[in-house]
Amino acid sequence: MYQILGHRLFWTVENSNQSTSGTTKKIRLLQSIKDKQGIKDLTKKQVSIIVNRNNKVRDYLNKAARYLINWCSENKISTIVVGVNHRIKQSINLGKKTNQNFVQIPHHSLRLKLKTICDRYGLTYIEQEESYTSKASFLDGDRIPVYNADSPTTYSFSGKRVKRGLYRTKQNKLINADSNGAANIGIKSNLMGVYPGQTLRHLWLCH
């Protein structure tokens, strides 16, 4: 049984990370004051704020990873596939405020924690390149290419995301956009039993 995750997993952490946005504002305010006064080194106040924020983020990451592993164990899921997009923090466009919170999340640290816990408890951890998985239509069986930065190509897909959280297929079926993306990650990872055009309900119940 598999648990398939893309950047959709990080929304849990991103929502928790919003509580640290005030910390970022404080740091910027202090930096502005320092610039006006010509102070170059970090102040004790800045160090204190940064350490406090890092501790909070570390705590969020630990809890998110532990929650996921516990959920998988309880539901007899032995393989976790994490979609990885190395361009995500550079290309993401979710609005100025959301972007600032999202980009602050240390995704590599979260993936490392997940892998470490999976190794400890005997779960299989797989990282899968996830380009175009949010754009391709799983139900329509779209072919999912791999992004090539050296030779960018424009692809067309059967469906499209009509708004955040909602995807419309070629047959005008509305499905959860994250479920569509996660299913496409399963296709890319060549998981046994995951194939294009499968119904999402069947995928969830059987795999």
N, C-alpha and C. Protein backbone atom coordinates (compact mmCIF):
# COMPACT_ATOMS: atom_id res chain seq x y z
N MET A 1 0.85 -1.18 0.00
CA MET A 1 0.00 0.00 0.00
C MET A 1 0.89 1.24 0.00
N TYR A 2 0.47 2.28 -0.70
CA TYR A 2 1.34 3.43 -0.91
C TYR A 2 0.71 4.73 -0.42
N GLN A 3 1.54 5.62 0.03
CA GLN A 3 1.12 6.99 0.32
C GLN A 3 1.91 7.88 -0.64
N ILE A 4 1.19 8.64 -1.49
CA ILE A 4 1.85 9.44 -2.52
C ILE A 4 1.73 10.91 -2.17
N LEU A 5 2.86 11.59 -2.13
CA LEU A 5 2.88 12.98 -1.70
C LEU A 5 3.66 13.85 -2.65
N GLY A 6 3.18 15.05 -2.85
CA GLY A 6 3.95 16.03 -3.62
C GLY A 6 4.15 17.24 -2.76
N HIS A 7 4.22 18.43 -3.37
CA HIS A 7 4.33 19.63 -2.55
C HIS A 7 3.07 19.83 -1.72
N ARG A 8 1.98 19.05 -2.05
CA ARG A 8 0.75 19.13 -1.28
C ARG A 8 1.00 18.77 0.18
N LEU A 9 1.97 17.89 0.47
CA LEU A 9 2.28 17.55 1.86
C LEU A 9 2.73 18.77 2.62
N PHE A 10 3.47 19.64 1.96
CA PHE A 10 4.07 20.76 2.65
C PHE A 10 3.06 21.82 3.06
N TRP A 11 1.82 21.71 2.56
CA TRP A 11 0.82 22.70 2.96
C TRP A 11 0.55 22.62 4.45
N THR A 12 0.60 21.43 5.00
CA THR A 12 0.41 21.28 6.44
C THR A 12 1.45 22.09 7.19
N VAL A 13 2.69 21.98 6.73
CA VAL A 13 3.77 22.70 7.38
C VAL A 13 3.66 24.20 7.09
N GLU A 14 3.26 24.52 5.84
CA GLU A 14 3.14 25.92 5.47
C GLU A 14 2.11 26.62 6.33
N ASN A 15 0.98 25.95 6.60
CA ASN A 15 -0.05 26.56 7.42
C ASN A 15 0.45 26.79 8.85
N SER A 16 1.20 25.81 9.37
CA SER A 16 1.77 25.97 10.71
C SER A 16 2.83 27.06 10.72
N ASN A 17 3.54 27.17 9.61
CA ASN A 17 4.64 28.12 9.52
C ASN A 17 4.18 29.57 9.49
N GLN A 18 2.86 29.79 9.28
CA GLN A 18 2.35 31.15 9.23
C GLN A 18 2.57 31.87 10.55
N SER A 19 2.62 31.09 11.64
CA SER A 19 2.81 31.72 12.95
C SER A 19 4.19 32.33 13.10
N THR A 20 5.12 31.96 12.20
CA THR A 20 6.47 32.52 12.27
C THR A 20 6.64 33.73 11.37
N SER A 21 5.57 34.10 10.66
CA SER A 21 5.69 35.24 9.74
C SER A 21 5.95 36.53 10.50
N GLY A 22 5.41 36.62 11.74
CA GLY A 22 5.66 37.81 12.55
C GLY A 22 7.12 37.94 12.90
N THR A 23 7.79 36.79 13.06
CA THR A 23 9.22 36.78 13.36
C THR A 23 10.00 37.39 12.21
N THR A 24 9.63 37.04 10.99
CA THR A 24 10.30 37.58 9.81
C THR A 24 10.16 39.10 9.75
N LYS A 25 8.99 39.60 10.08
CA LYS A 25 8.77 41.05 10.08
C LYS A 25 9.65 41.74 11.11
N LYS A 26 9.81 41.10 12.27
CA LYS A 26 10.65 41.68 13.32
C LYS A 26 12.11 41.75 12.87
N ILE A 27 12.56 40.66 12.21
CA ILE A 27 13.94 40.62 11.72
C ILE A 27 14.18 41.72 10.70
N ARG A 28 13.23 41.91 9.79
CA ARG A 28 13.35 42.94 8.76
C ARG A 28 13.35 44.34 9.37
N LEU A 29 12.53 44.54 10.39
CA LEU A 29 12.48 45.84 11.07
C LEU A 29 13.80 46.15 11.75
N LEU A 30 14.34 45.15 12.44
CA LEU A 30 15.63 45.34 13.10
C LEU A 30 16.73 45.60 12.09
N GLN A 31 16.69 44.89 10.96
CA GLN A 31 17.71 45.08 9.93
C GLN A 31 17.63 46.48 9.36
N SER A 32 16.41 46.99 9.19
CA SER A 32 16.22 48.35 8.68
C SER A 32 16.83 49.38 9.62
N ILE A 33 16.61 49.18 10.92
CA ILE A 33 17.17 50.09 11.93
C ILE A 33 18.69 50.01 11.92
N LYS A 34 19.22 48.80 11.81
CA LYS A 34 20.68 48.61 11.76
C LYS A 34 21.29 49.30 10.55
N ASP A 35 20.62 49.18 9.40
CA ASP A 35 21.14 49.79 8.18
C ASP A 35 21.24 51.30 8.34
N LYS A 36 20.24 51.88 8.97
CA LYS A 36 20.25 53.33 9.18
C LYS A 36 21.36 53.76 10.14
N GLN A 37 21.68 52.88 11.08
CA GLN A 37 22.72 53.19 12.07
C GLN A 37 24.11 52.71 11.66
N GLY A 38 24.17 52.02 10.50
CA GLY A 38 25.46 51.56 10.00
C GLY A 38 26.01 50.36 10.74
N ILE A 39 25.16 49.58 11.41
CA ILE A 39 25.59 48.39 12.14
C ILE A 39 25.58 47.19 11.21
N LYS A 40 26.70 46.48 11.12
CA LYS A 40 26.82 45.36 10.19
C LYS A 40 26.62 44.00 10.85
N ASP A 41 27.09 43.83 12.06
CA ASP A 41 26.99 42.53 12.73
C ASP A 41 25.58 42.28 13.26
N LEU A 42 25.28 40.99 13.47
CA LEU A 42 24.00 40.63 14.07
C LEU A 42 23.95 41.09 15.52
N THR A 43 22.81 41.61 15.93
CA THR A 43 22.65 42.02 17.33
C THR A 43 22.17 40.83 18.15
N LYS A 44 22.27 40.94 19.47
CA LYS A 44 21.80 39.86 20.34
C LYS A 44 20.30 39.63 20.16
N LYS A 45 19.57 40.70 19.91
CA LYS A 45 18.13 40.60 19.71
C LYS A 45 17.83 39.81 18.44
N GLN A 46 18.57 40.09 17.37
CA GLN A 46 18.38 39.35 16.12
C GLN A 46 18.68 37.87 16.29
N VAL A 47 19.78 37.58 16.96
CA VAL A 47 20.17 36.18 17.18
C VAL A 47 19.09 35.45 17.97
N SER A 48 18.55 36.11 18.98
CA SER A 48 17.51 35.52 19.81
C SER A 48 16.26 35.21 18.98
N ILE A 49 15.87 36.15 18.13
CA ILE A 49 14.68 35.97 17.30
C ILE A 49 14.88 34.84 16.30
N ILE A 50 16.07 34.80 15.66
CA ILE A 50 16.36 33.76 14.67
C ILE A 50 16.38 32.37 15.30
N VAL A 51 17.02 32.25 16.45
CA VAL A 51 17.09 30.96 17.14
C VAL A 51 15.69 30.49 17.53
N ASN A 52 14.88 31.41 18.01
CA ASN A 52 13.52 31.07 18.42
C ASN A 52 12.70 30.60 17.22
N ARG A 53 12.84 31.31 16.10
CA ARG A 53 12.10 30.91 14.90
C ARG A 53 12.56 29.54 14.40
N ASN A 54 13.87 29.32 14.36
CA ASN A 54 14.39 28.04 13.89
C ASN A 54 13.90 26.87 14.75
N ASN A 55 13.82 27.11 16.06
CA ASN A 55 13.32 26.08 16.97
C ASN A 55 11.85 25.75 16.69
N LYS A 56 11.06 26.78 16.39
CA LYS A 56 9.65 26.57 16.08
C LYS A 56 9.49 25.77 14.78
N VAL A 57 10.25 26.18 13.76
CA VAL A 57 10.16 25.48 12.48
C VAL A 57 10.60 24.03 12.63
N ARG A 58 11.67 23.80 13.39
CA ARG A 58 12.17 22.43 13.61
C ARG A 58 11.10 21.59 14.31
N ASP A 59 10.41 22.20 15.26
CA ASP A 59 9.35 21.50 15.98
C ASP A 59 8.20 21.15 15.04
N TYR A 60 7.82 22.08 14.15
CA TYR A 60 6.76 21.82 13.18
C TYR A 60 7.14 20.66 12.26
N LEU A 61 8.39 20.68 11.80
CA LEU A 61 8.84 19.64 10.88
C LEU A 61 8.82 18.27 11.55
N ASN A 62 9.29 18.21 12.79
CA ASN A 62 9.30 16.95 13.53
C ASN A 62 7.89 16.40 13.71
N LYS A 63 6.95 17.29 14.06
CA LYS A 63 5.58 16.87 14.30
C LYS A 63 4.91 16.43 12.99
N ALA A 64 5.17 17.17 11.89
CA ALA A 64 4.58 16.81 10.60
C ALA A 64 5.08 15.45 10.14
N ALA A 65 6.38 15.21 10.26
CA ALA A 65 6.97 13.94 9.84
C ALA A 65 6.45 12.80 10.71
N ARG A 66 6.39 13.02 12.00
CA ARG A 66 5.92 11.98 12.92
C ARG A 66 4.46 11.66 12.68
N TYR A 67 3.65 12.69 12.45
CA TYR A 67 2.21 12.48 12.19
C TYR A 67 2.02 11.62 10.95
N LEU A 68 2.76 11.93 9.89
CA LEU A 68 2.63 11.18 8.63
C LEU A 68 3.04 9.73 8.81
N ILE A 69 4.17 9.50 9.47
CA ILE A 69 4.66 8.14 9.66
C ILE A 69 3.67 7.33 10.50
N ASN A 70 3.15 7.94 11.57
CA ASN A 70 2.17 7.25 12.42
C ASN A 70 0.91 6.89 11.63
N TRP A 71 0.47 7.84 10.79
CA TRP A 71 -0.73 7.61 9.99
C TRP A 71 -0.52 6.46 9.02
N CYS A 72 0.65 6.42 8.40
CA CYS A 72 0.96 5.35 7.46
C CYS A 72 1.02 4.00 8.17
N SER A 73 1.63 3.98 9.34
CA SER A 73 1.73 2.73 10.10
C SER A 73 0.35 2.22 10.50
N GLU A 74 -0.52 3.12 10.96
CA GLU A 74 -1.87 2.74 11.38
C GLU A 74 -2.69 2.22 10.21
N ASN A 75 -2.41 2.72 9.01
CA ASN A 75 -3.18 2.32 7.82
C ASN A 75 -2.45 1.30 6.97
N LYS A 76 -1.42 0.68 7.54
CA LYS A 76 -0.66 -0.40 6.88
C LYS A 76 -0.07 0.05 5.54
N ILE A 77 0.42 1.27 5.50
CA ILE A 77 1.10 1.80 4.31
C ILE A 77 2.60 1.61 4.49
N SER A 78 3.23 0.94 3.56
CA SER A 78 4.64 0.61 3.72
C SER A 78 5.57 1.41 2.82
N THR A 79 5.01 2.13 1.85
CA THR A 79 5.83 2.90 0.91
C THR A 79 5.35 4.33 0.83
N ILE A 80 6.26 5.27 0.99
CA ILE A 80 5.94 6.69 0.88
C ILE A 80 6.70 7.26 -0.31
N VAL A 81 5.96 7.85 -1.25
CA VAL A 81 6.57 8.47 -2.42
C VAL A 81 6.39 9.97 -2.30
N VAL A 82 7.49 10.70 -2.27
CA VAL A 82 7.45 12.15 -2.12
C VAL A 82 7.84 12.81 -3.44
N GLY A 83 6.93 13.61 -3.96
CA GLY A 83 7.23 14.34 -5.18
C GLY A 83 8.19 15.47 -4.90
N VAL A 84 9.23 15.57 -5.72
CA VAL A 84 10.27 16.59 -5.51
C VAL A 84 10.37 17.48 -6.75
N ASN A 85 10.28 18.77 -6.52
CA ASN A 85 10.45 19.75 -7.60
C ASN A 85 11.50 20.74 -7.14
N HIS A 86 12.71 20.63 -7.68
CA HIS A 86 13.81 21.47 -7.22
C HIS A 86 13.63 22.93 -7.62
N ARG A 87 12.65 23.20 -8.48
CA ARG A 87 12.40 24.58 -8.89
C ARG A 87 11.25 25.21 -8.13
N ILE A 88 10.62 24.46 -7.23
CA ILE A 88 9.36 24.90 -6.65
C ILE A 88 9.47 26.23 -5.91
N LYS A 89 10.54 26.45 -5.16
CA LYS A 89 10.64 27.67 -4.37
C LYS A 89 11.02 28.88 -5.20
N GLN A 90 11.52 28.61 -6.42
CA GLN A 90 11.85 29.73 -7.29
C GLN A 90 10.65 30.11 -8.17
N SER A 91 9.85 29.11 -8.57
CA SER A 91 8.81 29.37 -9.56
C SER A 91 7.42 29.47 -8.97
N ILE A 92 7.24 29.17 -7.68
CA ILE A 92 5.90 29.15 -7.11
C ILE A 92 5.27 30.53 -7.13
N ASN A 93 3.97 30.57 -7.42
CA ASN A 93 3.24 31.83 -7.46
C ASN A 93 1.87 31.64 -6.82
N LEU A 94 1.80 31.84 -5.51
CA LEU A 94 0.56 31.64 -4.77
C LEU A 94 0.11 32.93 -4.11
N GLY A 95 0.65 34.04 -4.57
CA GLY A 95 0.33 35.31 -3.94
C GLY A 95 1.47 35.73 -3.03
N LYS A 96 1.68 37.03 -2.88
CA LYS A 96 2.85 37.54 -2.16
C LYS A 96 2.95 37.01 -0.74
N LYS A 97 1.84 37.08 0.01
CA LYS A 97 1.88 36.67 1.42
C LYS A 97 2.14 35.18 1.55
N THR A 98 1.40 34.37 0.77
CA THR A 98 1.57 32.92 0.83
C THR A 98 2.95 32.52 0.35
N ASN A 99 3.45 33.16 -0.70
CA ASN A 99 4.79 32.87 -1.21
C ASN A 99 5.84 33.05 -0.12
N GLN A 100 5.75 34.14 0.64
CA GLN A 100 6.75 34.42 1.66
C GLN A 100 6.78 33.32 2.71
N ASN A 101 5.60 32.84 3.13
CA ASN A 101 5.54 31.78 4.13
C ASN A 101 6.03 30.45 3.55
N PHE A 102 5.63 30.17 2.30
CA PHE A 102 5.97 28.90 1.68
C PHE A 102 7.47 28.78 1.46
N VAL A 103 8.08 29.84 0.94
CA VAL A 103 9.50 29.80 0.61
C VAL A 103 10.37 29.63 1.84
N GLN A 104 9.86 30.01 3.01
CA GLN A 104 10.65 29.88 4.24
C GLN A 104 10.79 28.44 4.70
N ILE A 105 9.93 27.55 4.18
CA ILE A 105 9.92 26.18 4.66
C ILE A 105 11.12 25.40 4.14
N PRO A 106 11.93 24.80 5.02
CA PRO A 106 13.08 24.01 4.58
C PRO A 106 12.64 22.63 4.12
N HIS A 107 12.21 22.53 2.86
CA HIS A 107 11.67 21.28 2.33
C HIS A 107 12.67 20.13 2.41
N HIS A 108 13.93 20.44 2.16
CA HIS A 108 14.94 19.38 2.20
C HIS A 108 15.02 18.78 3.60
N SER A 109 14.90 19.62 4.62
CA SER A 109 14.96 19.13 6.00
C SER A 109 13.79 18.21 6.30
N LEU A 110 12.61 18.56 5.81
CA LEU A 110 11.44 17.72 6.03
C LEU A 110 11.61 16.37 5.33
N ARG A 111 12.09 16.39 4.11
CA ARG A 111 12.30 15.14 3.38
C ARG A 111 13.33 14.26 4.09
N LEU A 112 14.38 14.89 4.59
CA LEU A 112 15.42 14.15 5.30
C LEU A 112 14.86 13.50 6.57
N LYS A 113 14.01 14.22 7.29
CA LYS A 113 13.39 13.67 8.50
C LYS A 113 12.50 12.48 8.15
N LEU A 114 11.72 12.62 7.06
CA LEU A 114 10.86 11.53 6.64
C LEU A 114 11.67 10.28 6.28
N LYS A 115 12.74 10.49 5.53
CA LYS A 115 13.58 9.36 5.12
C LYS A 115 14.20 8.67 6.34
N THR A 116 14.67 9.48 7.28
CA THR A 116 15.31 8.93 8.49
C THR A 116 14.33 8.08 9.28
N ILE A 117 13.10 8.59 9.46
CA ILE A 117 12.10 7.85 10.23
C ILE A 117 11.66 6.60 9.47
N CYS A 118 11.53 6.72 8.15
CA CYS A 118 11.16 5.55 7.34
C CYS A 118 12.20 4.44 7.47
N ASP A 119 13.46 4.82 7.40
CA ASP A 119 14.55 3.84 7.55
C ASP A 119 14.50 3.18 8.92
N ARG A 120 14.17 3.96 9.92
CA ARG A 120 14.16 3.46 11.30
C ARG A 120 13.04 2.44 11.51
N TYR A 121 11.89 2.67 10.87
CA TYR A 121 10.73 1.80 11.10
C TYR A 121 10.44 0.85 9.94
N GLY A 122 11.36 0.76 8.99
CA GLY A 122 11.22 -0.23 7.94
C GLY A 122 10.27 0.13 6.82
N LEU A 123 9.97 1.43 6.66
CA LEU A 123 9.13 1.87 5.56
C LEU A 123 10.01 2.22 4.35
N THR A 124 9.48 2.06 3.16
CA THR A 124 10.22 2.41 1.95
C THR A 124 9.98 3.87 1.61
N TYR A 125 11.05 4.63 1.45
CA TYR A 125 10.96 6.06 1.13
C TYR A 125 11.49 6.28 -0.28
N ILE A 126 10.67 6.92 -1.13
CA ILE A 126 11.06 7.18 -2.52
C ILE A 126 10.85 8.65 -2.85
N GLU A 127 11.84 9.27 -3.47
CA GLU A 127 11.68 10.63 -3.96
C GLU A 127 11.50 10.57 -5.48
N GLN A 128 10.47 11.25 -5.97
CA GLN A 128 10.15 11.20 -7.39
C GLN A 128 10.06 12.60 -7.97
N GLU A 129 10.80 12.85 -9.05
CA GLU A 129 10.71 14.12 -9.78
C GLU A 129 9.26 14.32 -10.21
N GLU A 130 8.70 15.52 -9.96
CA GLU A 130 7.26 15.70 -10.14
C GLU A 130 6.85 16.79 -11.14
N SER A 131 7.74 17.14 -12.07
CA SER A 131 7.37 18.19 -13.03
C SER A 131 6.14 17.79 -13.84
N TYR A 132 5.26 18.75 -14.05
CA TYR A 132 4.03 18.63 -14.84
C TYR A 132 2.96 17.73 -14.21
N THR A 133 3.17 17.22 -13.02
CA THR A 133 2.16 16.34 -12.41
C THR A 133 0.91 17.11 -12.01
N SER A 134 1.05 18.41 -11.77
CA SER A 134 -0.12 19.22 -11.43
C SER A 134 -0.89 19.65 -12.67
N LYS A 135 -0.23 19.66 -13.82
CA LYS A 135 -0.86 20.10 -15.06
C LYS A 135 -1.49 18.96 -15.86
N ALA A 136 -0.87 17.80 -15.82
CA ALA A 136 -1.38 16.66 -16.58
C ALA A 136 -2.66 16.11 -15.95
N SER A 137 -3.51 15.52 -16.77
CA SER A 137 -4.77 14.95 -16.28
C SER A 137 -4.60 13.45 -16.05
N PHE A 138 -4.70 13.03 -14.80
CA PHE A 138 -4.56 11.61 -14.47
C PHE A 138 -5.71 10.80 -15.06
N LEU A 139 -6.93 11.29 -14.92
CA LEU A 139 -8.10 10.54 -15.40
C LEU A 139 -8.12 10.42 -16.92
N ASP A 140 -7.52 11.41 -17.61
CA ASP A 140 -7.48 11.35 -19.08
C ASP A 140 -6.28 10.60 -19.60
N GLY A 141 -5.41 10.15 -18.71
CA GLY A 141 -4.25 9.36 -19.12
C GLY A 141 -3.19 10.15 -19.85
N ASP A 142 -3.03 11.42 -19.51
CA ASP A 142 -2.01 12.24 -20.18
C ASP A 142 -0.61 11.69 -19.98
N ARG A 143 0.21 11.81 -21.02
CA ARG A 143 1.63 11.49 -20.88
C ARG A 143 2.28 12.60 -20.09
N ILE A 144 3.13 12.25 -19.14
CA ILE A 144 3.73 13.26 -18.26
C ILE A 144 5.22 13.38 -18.56
N PRO A 145 5.64 14.46 -19.19
CA PRO A 145 7.06 14.64 -19.54
C PRO A 145 7.89 15.06 -18.33
N VAL A 146 9.18 15.16 -18.55
CA VAL A 146 10.11 15.64 -17.52
C VAL A 146 10.63 17.00 -17.94
N TYR A 147 10.60 17.95 -17.04
CA TYR A 147 11.06 19.30 -17.36
C TYR A 147 12.56 19.30 -17.65
N ASN A 148 12.93 19.98 -18.72
CA ASN A 148 14.34 20.10 -19.10
C ASN A 148 14.70 21.58 -19.17
N ALA A 149 15.45 22.06 -18.19
CA ALA A 149 15.79 23.48 -18.11
C ALA A 149 16.65 23.92 -19.30
N ASP A 150 17.43 22.98 -19.86
CA ASP A 150 18.31 23.31 -20.98
C ASP A 150 17.54 23.41 -22.31
N SER A 151 16.37 22.79 -22.34
CA SER A 151 15.56 22.82 -23.56
C SER A 151 14.08 22.89 -23.19
N PRO A 152 13.65 24.06 -22.69
CA PRO A 152 12.25 24.22 -22.26
C PRO A 152 11.28 23.97 -23.41
N THR A 153 10.25 23.20 -23.12
CA THR A 153 9.25 22.86 -24.13
C THR A 153 7.86 23.15 -23.57
N THR A 154 6.97 23.66 -24.41
CA THR A 154 5.60 23.91 -24.00
C THR A 154 4.74 22.70 -24.34
N TYR A 155 4.06 22.16 -23.34
CA TYR A 155 3.22 20.99 -23.53
C TYR A 155 1.75 21.36 -23.31
N SER A 156 0.86 20.65 -23.97
CA SER A 156 -0.57 20.85 -23.76
C SER A 156 -1.14 19.59 -23.12
N PHE A 157 -2.10 19.78 -22.21
CA PHE A 157 -2.67 18.65 -21.49
C PHE A 157 -4.19 18.65 -21.63
N SER A 158 -4.80 17.53 -21.35
CA SER A 158 -6.23 17.35 -21.57
C SER A 158 -7.08 18.22 -20.65
N GLY A 159 -6.65 18.37 -19.40
CA GLY A 159 -7.41 19.15 -18.44
C GLY A 159 -6.62 20.36 -17.97
N LYS A 160 -7.16 21.04 -16.98
CA LYS A 160 -6.45 22.19 -16.42
C LYS A 160 -6.98 22.51 -15.03
N ARG A 161 -6.14 23.17 -14.28
CA ARG A 161 -6.53 23.63 -12.95
C ARG A 161 -7.39 24.88 -13.13
N VAL A 162 -8.62 24.84 -12.65
CA VAL A 162 -9.52 25.97 -12.84
C VAL A 162 -9.40 26.99 -11.70
N LYS A 163 -8.95 26.52 -10.56
CA LYS A 163 -8.63 27.40 -9.45
C LYS A 163 -7.86 26.58 -8.43
N ARG A 164 -7.30 27.23 -7.43
CA ARG A 164 -6.48 26.49 -6.48
C ARG A 164 -7.31 25.41 -5.80
N GLY A 165 -6.84 24.18 -5.88
CA GLY A 165 -7.54 23.08 -5.24
C GLY A 165 -8.53 22.34 -6.10
N LEU A 166 -8.74 22.80 -7.35
CA LEU A 166 -9.73 22.17 -8.21
C LEU A 166 -9.18 21.99 -9.62
N TYR A 167 -9.38 20.78 -10.17
CA TYR A 167 -8.88 20.45 -11.51
C TYR A 167 -10.04 19.96 -12.37
N ARG A 168 -10.11 20.45 -13.62
CA ARG A 168 -11.16 20.04 -14.55
C ARG A 168 -10.57 19.14 -15.63
N THR A 169 -11.13 17.93 -15.80
CA THR A 169 -10.64 16.99 -16.80
C THR A 169 -11.23 17.31 -18.18
N LYS A 170 -10.79 16.55 -19.18
CA LYS A 170 -11.28 16.75 -20.54
C LYS A 170 -12.79 16.53 -20.63
N GLN A 171 -13.30 15.62 -19.79
CA GLN A 171 -14.74 15.33 -19.77
C GLN A 171 -15.50 16.27 -18.83
N ASN A 172 -14.83 17.37 -18.42
CA ASN A 172 -15.42 18.37 -17.53
C ASN A 172 -15.74 17.84 -16.13
N LYS A 173 -15.03 16.78 -15.73
CA LYS A 173 -15.16 16.30 -14.36
C LYS A 173 -14.29 17.17 -13.45
N LEU A 174 -14.84 17.57 -12.32
CA LEU A 174 -14.07 18.37 -11.36
C LEU A 174 -13.55 17.45 -10.27
N ILE A 175 -12.24 17.46 -10.06
CA ILE A 175 -11.62 16.63 -9.04
C ILE A 175 -10.66 17.47 -8.21
N ASN A 176 -10.27 16.95 -7.07
CA ASN A 176 -9.31 17.64 -6.22
C ASN A 176 -7.96 17.72 -6.93
N ALA A 177 -7.41 18.92 -7.03
CA ALA A 177 -6.17 19.12 -7.78
C ALA A 177 -4.99 18.38 -7.14
N ASP A 178 -4.96 18.33 -5.82
CA ASP A 178 -3.86 17.64 -5.14
C ASP A 178 -3.94 16.13 -5.36
N SER A 179 -5.16 15.59 -5.39
CA SER A 179 -5.33 14.17 -5.66
C SER A 179 -4.86 13.84 -7.07
N ASN A 180 -5.18 14.72 -8.01
CA ASN A 180 -4.73 14.55 -9.40
C ASN A 180 -3.20 14.56 -9.47
N GLY A 181 -2.58 15.52 -8.80
CA GLY A 181 -1.13 15.62 -8.82
C GLY A 181 -0.46 14.43 -8.15
N ALA A 182 -1.01 14.00 -7.01
CA ALA A 182 -0.43 12.87 -6.28
C ALA A 182 -0.53 11.59 -7.10
N ALA A 183 -1.67 11.40 -7.78
CA ALA A 183 -1.84 10.21 -8.62
C ALA A 183 -0.83 10.21 -9.77
N ASN A 184 -0.57 11.39 -10.33
CA ASN A 184 0.41 11.49 -11.42
C ASN A 184 1.82 11.20 -10.93
N ILE A 185 2.12 11.56 -9.69
CA ILE A 185 3.41 11.21 -9.11
C ILE A 185 3.54 9.69 -9.02
N GLY A 186 2.42 9.04 -8.70
CA GLY A 186 2.42 7.57 -8.68
C GLY A 186 2.74 7.00 -10.05
N ILE A 187 2.20 7.62 -11.10
CA ILE A 187 2.49 7.19 -12.47
C ILE A 187 3.99 7.33 -12.76
N LYS A 188 4.54 8.48 -12.43
CA LYS A 188 5.96 8.73 -12.71
C LYS A 188 6.88 7.78 -11.95
N SER A 189 6.45 7.39 -10.77
CA SER A 189 7.32 6.54 -9.95
C SER A 189 7.20 5.07 -10.31
N ASN A 190 6.30 4.76 -11.28
CA ASN A 190 6.13 3.38 -11.74
C ASN A 190 5.71 2.42 -10.63
N LEU A 191 4.86 2.91 -9.73
CA LEU A 191 4.37 2.04 -8.67
C LEU A 191 3.48 0.95 -9.26
N MET A 192 3.63 -0.24 -8.76
CA MET A 192 2.82 -1.35 -9.23
C MET A 192 1.34 -1.09 -8.93
N GLY A 193 0.49 -1.22 -9.94
CA GLY A 193 -0.93 -1.05 -9.73
C GLY A 193 -1.44 0.35 -9.97
N VAL A 194 -0.55 1.31 -10.25
CA VAL A 194 -0.97 2.68 -10.53
C VAL A 194 -0.81 2.91 -12.02
N TYR A 195 -1.91 3.18 -12.71
CA TYR A 195 -1.83 3.36 -14.16
C TYR A 195 -2.74 4.50 -14.60
N PRO A 196 -2.44 5.16 -15.71
CA PRO A 196 -3.22 6.31 -16.20
C PRO A 196 -4.67 5.94 -16.44
N GLY A 197 -5.58 6.88 -16.12
CA GLY A 197 -6.98 6.67 -16.39
C GLY A 197 -7.72 5.95 -15.28
N GLN A 198 -7.00 5.43 -14.29
CA GLN A 198 -7.61 4.76 -13.16
C GLN A 198 -8.47 5.78 -12.39
N THR A 199 -9.58 5.35 -11.82
CA THR A 199 -10.37 6.28 -11.03
C THR A 199 -9.64 6.56 -9.73
N LEU A 200 -9.73 7.78 -9.23
CA LEU A 200 -9.04 8.13 -8.00
C LEU A 200 -9.59 7.34 -6.83
N ARG A 201 -10.88 7.04 -6.85
CA ARG A 201 -11.48 6.27 -5.76
C ARG A 201 -10.89 4.86 -5.72
N HIS A 202 -10.74 4.25 -6.90
CA HIS A 202 -10.16 2.91 -6.99
C HIS A 202 -8.71 2.94 -6.54
N LEU A 203 -7.99 3.97 -6.92
CA LEU A 203 -6.59 4.10 -6.54
C LEU A 203 -6.46 4.16 -5.03
N TRP A 204 -7.36 4.94 -4.39
CA TRP A 204 -7.28 5.11 -2.93
C TRP A 204 -7.64 3.82 -2.20
N LEU A 205 -8.69 3.12 -2.70
CA LEU A 205 -9.16 1.93 -2.00
C LEU A 205 -8.21 0.75 -2.16
N CYS A 206 -7.59 0.66 -3.34
CA CYS A 206 -6.81 -0.55 -3.65
C CYS A 206 -5.32 -0.39 -3.44
N HIS A 207 -4.83 0.85 -3.39
CA HIS A 207 -3.38 0.99 -3.33
C HIS A 207 -2.96 1.92 -2.22
